[in-house]
Protein backbone atom coordinates (compact mmCIF):
# COMPACT_ATOMS: atom_id res chain seq x y z
CA MET A 1 30.52 31.76 -1.44
CA ILE A 2 29.15 33.51 -4.62
CA ARG A 3 25.61 33.68 -5.78
CA ILE A 4 24.88 33.61 -9.55
CA GLU A 5 21.39 34.79 -10.64
CA ALA A 6 19.98 34.96 -14.21
CA VAL A 7 18.67 38.29 -15.36
CA SER A 8 17.64 37.58 -18.97
CA GLU A 9 18.60 34.75 -21.50
CA ASN A 10 22.04 36.40 -22.09
CA THR A 11 22.51 38.20 -18.75
CA LEU A 12 23.30 37.37 -15.21
CA ILE A 13 24.87 38.91 -11.97
CA ILE A 14 27.47 37.29 -9.46
CA TYR A 15 26.68 38.37 -6.06
CA PHE A 16 29.51 38.35 -3.45
CA ALA A 17 28.21 39.95 -0.57
CA ASP A 18 25.21 41.93 0.73
CA SER A 19 27.06 44.88 2.07
CA ILE A 20 29.85 47.18 0.61
CA GLN A 21 33.62 46.09 2.01
CA ALA A 22 36.52 48.14 0.76
CA GLU A 23 38.75 44.86 0.60
CA LEU A 24 36.14 43.21 -1.64
CA SER A 25 36.68 45.57 -4.52
CA VAL A 26 40.16 44.09 -5.14
CA PHE A 27 38.86 40.42 -5.35
CA ILE A 28 36.22 41.65 -7.90
CA GLY A 29 38.74 43.37 -9.96
CA VAL A 30 40.77 40.41 -10.05
CA ILE A 31 37.76 37.88 -10.84
CA SER A 32 36.37 40.29 -13.54
CA GLN A 33 40.05 40.28 -15.37
CA GLN A 34 40.20 36.53 -14.88
CA LEU A 35 36.78 36.05 -16.44
CA LYS A 36 37.70 38.21 -19.58
CA ASN A 37 41.01 36.22 -19.98
CA GLU A 38 39.73 32.65 -19.52
CA LEU A 39 36.15 33.14 -21.36
CA GLY A 40 37.32 35.55 -23.82
CA ASP A 41 34.80 36.25 -26.85
CA LYS A 42 32.22 34.11 -25.00
CA LEU A 43 31.42 37.22 -22.93
CA ILE A 44 30.10 40.57 -24.27
CA GLU A 45 30.22 42.91 -21.17
CA VAL A 46 31.77 42.31 -17.85
CA ILE A 47 30.63 45.07 -15.26
CA PRO A 48 31.98 44.98 -11.87
CA SER A 49 30.37 47.13 -8.84
CA TYR A 50 30.84 47.30 -5.36
CA THR A 51 29.50 43.93 -4.48
CA SER A 52 28.57 42.11 -7.75
CA ILE A 53 29.57 41.71 -11.21
CA PHE A 54 26.96 42.03 -14.17
CA ILE A 55 27.62 39.77 -17.20
CA GLN A 56 26.18 39.74 -20.64
CA PHE A 57 27.29 36.61 -22.58
CA ASP A 58 27.05 35.35 -26.31
CA ILE A 59 24.36 32.82 -26.18
CA LEU A 60 25.61 31.20 -29.55
CA ARG A 61 28.87 30.72 -27.61
CA ILE A 62 28.04 29.27 -24.33
CA ASP A 63 24.61 28.62 -22.36
CA LEU A 64 23.89 29.87 -18.92
CA PRO A 65 24.56 26.29 -17.05
CA THR A 66 27.94 26.00 -18.63
CA LEU A 67 28.81 29.53 -18.02
CA SER A 68 27.75 29.55 -14.19
CA LYS A 69 29.74 26.29 -13.97
CA ASP A 70 32.81 27.94 -15.51
CA ILE A 71 32.19 30.95 -13.19
CA ARG A 72 32.56 28.73 -9.97
CA ALA A 73 35.43 27.04 -11.21
CA ILE A 74 37.47 30.17 -11.94
CA ALA A 75 36.33 31.76 -8.46
CA ASP A 76 37.49 28.52 -6.69
CA THR A 77 41.13 28.80 -8.32
CA LEU A 78 41.45 32.49 -6.87
CA ASP A 79 42.61 33.47 -3.35
CA THR A 80 39.62 35.04 -1.43
CA GLU A 81 42.36 37.16 0.71
CA PRO A 82 42.83 40.16 -1.20
CA ASP A 83 46.39 41.07 -2.15
CA TYR A 84 46.53 44.98 -1.85
CA SER A 85 49.74 44.96 -4.05
CA VAL A 86 47.48 44.29 -7.13
CA GLY A 87 46.14 46.90 -9.12
CA LYS A 88 48.18 49.84 -10.62
CA LEU A 89 48.71 53.19 -8.53
CA ILE A 90 47.01 56.24 -10.52
CA GLU A 91 48.46 59.67 -9.24
CA LEU A 92 46.05 62.58 -9.84
CA PRO A 93 47.25 66.09 -9.74
CA THR A 94 44.51 68.29 -8.05
CA TRP A 95 44.31 71.90 -7.56
CA TYR A 96 42.52 72.45 -4.42
CA HIS A 97 41.13 75.91 -4.38
CA SER A 98 37.74 77.93 -4.45
CA ASP A 99 38.30 79.17 -7.94
CA VAL A 100 37.46 75.45 -9.21
CA ALA A 101 35.95 73.97 -5.84
CA PRO A 102 33.02 76.00 -4.94
CA ASP A 103 32.27 73.60 -1.62
CA LEU A 104 35.80 73.56 -0.51
CA LYS A 105 35.51 76.16 2.30
CA ALA A 106 31.96 75.01 3.40
CA ALA A 107 33.23 71.46 3.39
CA ALA A 108 36.17 72.26 5.58
CA GLN A 109 33.80 74.37 7.85
CA HIS A 110 31.56 71.30 8.11
CA SER A 111 34.11 69.18 9.27
CA HIS A 112 35.45 71.53 11.80
CA LEU A 113 38.73 71.58 9.88
CA SER A 114 40.84 74.48 8.35
CA VAL A 115 41.10 74.20 4.61
CA GLU A 116 44.72 73.22 4.92
CA GLU A 117 43.77 70.32 7.24
CA PHE A 118 40.92 69.19 4.98
CA ILE A 119 43.15 69.05 1.87
CA SER A 120 45.88 67.17 3.73
CA ILE A 121 43.53 64.60 5.01
CA HIS A 122 42.03 63.96 1.38
CA SER A 123 45.33 63.84 -0.32
CA ASN A 124 47.23 61.85 2.18
CA LYS A 125 45.09 58.62 1.85
CA GLU A 126 45.40 56.02 -1.00
CA TYR A 127 42.03 54.95 -2.51
CA ARG A 128 40.63 51.88 -4.22
CA VAL A 129 38.54 51.92 -7.43
CA CYS A 130 35.57 50.15 -6.09
CA ALA A 131 33.09 50.54 -9.25
CA ILE A 132 32.96 52.60 -12.35
CA GLY A 133 29.67 54.00 -13.46
CA PHE A 134 26.98 56.80 -13.51
CA ALA A 135 29.05 58.34 -16.32
CA PRO A 136 31.80 56.85 -18.59
CA GLY A 137 35.24 56.99 -16.60
CA PHE A 138 33.58 57.87 -13.38
CA ALA A 139 35.42 55.81 -10.66
CA PHE A 140 34.11 55.64 -7.14
CA LEU A 141 36.76 55.67 -4.79
CA GLY A 142 36.75 54.59 -1.19
CA SER A 143 36.85 55.38 1.48
CA VAL A 144 37.59 58.79 2.68
CA ASP A 145 38.60 59.48 6.24
CA SER A 146 35.63 59.82 8.29
CA ARG A 147 36.73 63.32 9.53
CA ILE A 148 35.88 64.45 5.61
CA GLU A 149 32.81 62.58 5.27
CA LEU A 150 30.12 64.91 3.49
CA PRO A 151 26.44 64.72 2.72
CA ARG A 152 25.37 65.07 -1.11
CA HIS A 153 23.94 68.46 -2.12
CA ASP A 154 20.31 68.61 -1.48
CA HIS A 155 19.68 69.74 -4.87
CA PRO A 156 22.17 68.64 -7.51
CA LYS A 157 23.85 71.25 -9.85
CA ALA A 158 22.83 71.11 -13.51
CA LYS A 159 26.44 71.28 -14.31
CA VAL A 160 29.68 70.17 -12.49
CA SER A 161 32.78 70.91 -14.37
CA ARG A 162 34.90 68.26 -16.02
CA GLY A 163 37.79 67.20 -13.64
CA SER A 164 35.90 68.35 -10.51
CA VAL A 165 37.12 66.25 -7.32
CA GLY A 166 33.89 65.55 -5.14
CA ILE A 167 32.92 63.71 -1.99
CA ALA A 168 29.78 62.12 -1.28
CA GLY A 169 29.39 60.41 2.12
CA LEU A 170 32.49 58.17 2.32
CA GLN A 171 33.17 58.04 -1.26
CA THR A 172 35.39 60.47 -3.58
CA ALA A 173 35.57 60.57 -7.18
CA VAL A 174 36.44 62.83 -10.27
CA TYR A 175 33.87 64.02 -12.94
CA PRO A 176 35.31 62.94 -16.15
CA GLN A 177 33.18 65.10 -18.02
CA ASP A 178 30.80 68.08 -17.68
CA SER A 179 27.76 66.83 -16.28
CA PRO A 180 24.84 67.07 -13.70
CA GLY A 181 25.85 66.11 -10.28
CA GLY A 182 25.43 66.40 -6.36
CA TRP A 183 28.64 65.81 -4.92
CA GLN A 184 30.56 68.45 -2.68
CA ILE A 185 33.27 69.77 -5.06
CA ILE A 186 36.59 70.38 -3.39
CA GLY A 187 39.24 70.55 -5.89
CA ASN A 188 39.86 69.80 -9.77
CA CYS A 189 42.00 67.53 -11.78
CA PRO A 190 43.28 68.82 -14.95
CA LEU A 191 43.96 65.21 -16.58
CA SER A 192 41.65 63.85 -19.25
CA LEU A 193 40.19 60.80 -17.55
CA PHE A 194 37.81 59.55 -20.40
CA ASP A 195 38.65 59.50 -24.17
CA PRO A 196 36.31 57.26 -26.31
CA ASP A 197 39.05 57.45 -29.09
CA LYS A 198 41.62 55.71 -26.93
CA GLU A 199 42.22 52.36 -25.73
CA PRO A 200 41.44 51.91 -22.96
CA MET A 201 39.09 54.74 -22.65
CA THR A 202 39.83 55.49 -19.08
CA PRO A 203 42.87 54.80 -16.94
CA PHE A 204 40.67 53.23 -14.11
CA GLN A 205 40.07 49.47 -13.50
CA VAL A 206 38.11 48.06 -10.45
CA GLY A 207 40.83 47.17 -7.60
CA ASP A 208 43.41 50.13 -8.87
CA LYS A 209 44.90 52.22 -6.54
CA VAL A 210 44.40 56.38 -6.50
CA ARG A 211 46.22 59.13 -4.75
CA PHE A 212 45.31 62.90 -5.11
CA HIS A 213 48.42 65.11 -5.38
CA PRO A 214 47.91 68.76 -4.76
CA ILE A 215 49.32 71.11 -7.33
CA SER A 216 49.52 74.93 -7.60
CA LYS A 217 47.33 77.26 -9.80
CA SER A 218 50.29 77.61 -12.36
CA GLU A 219 50.64 73.76 -12.56
CA PHE A 220 47.13 73.24 -13.06
CA LEU A 221 47.16 75.96 -15.68
CA ALA A 222 50.34 74.50 -17.21
CA MET A 223 48.28 71.09 -17.46
CA ASP A 224 45.55 72.79 -19.37
CA GLY A 225 43.29 72.94 -16.51
CA GLN A 226 40.30 75.32 -17.09
CA ILE A 227 38.52 77.83 -14.30
CA GLN A 228 35.06 77.89 -15.47
CA GLN A 229 32.65 80.76 -14.85
CA GLU A 230 30.07 78.47 -12.56
CA ASN A 231 33.15 77.52 -10.39
CA GLN A 232 33.77 81.12 -9.41
């Protein structure tokens, strides 16, 4: 069952659940794309999150009652049992080293693991893109193995380097740009994950799958990875 609530005269939110469910991200990703496909230029923005979708629509092309009816009709045609084969797989090369990961050693100690064990656990799992937000191209990925669950920093850093791979709670993510942040930084991905001059601007969509692939320092530098002073 879905719940549709108006936010303003041209925005609404579709609610699917009251709590985060990893499998729900697949369904939300599918229905978000289906809404774009079927309603086209009647919609201005479709923004999926963990348990809901925010929609801004063109009031000159469709009204709220009609849009709500169309949303329910589209939802009814979709299989609520998620197909885990959907969504593309994105491989993220990652250098796990204290030169770019100031929290890696402490994170391993917190988890009562060696650094090698910690890296293996993080990189040997496939994650789902559950939401995109906080910053352009910032994809919230879930969920990490409970053995490497980490708290956020008590005091966020003023600058976290572009490409930093972090963990906060059971979520992991890559910072696509230099920005403030409070996640525990355990590695760095040298790929560009947000470019406003490209279409799409980011490779991530809700429902996609992500794997982190450990690389060496030489591979990291060959991919234009940067070792910044604040990470040393």
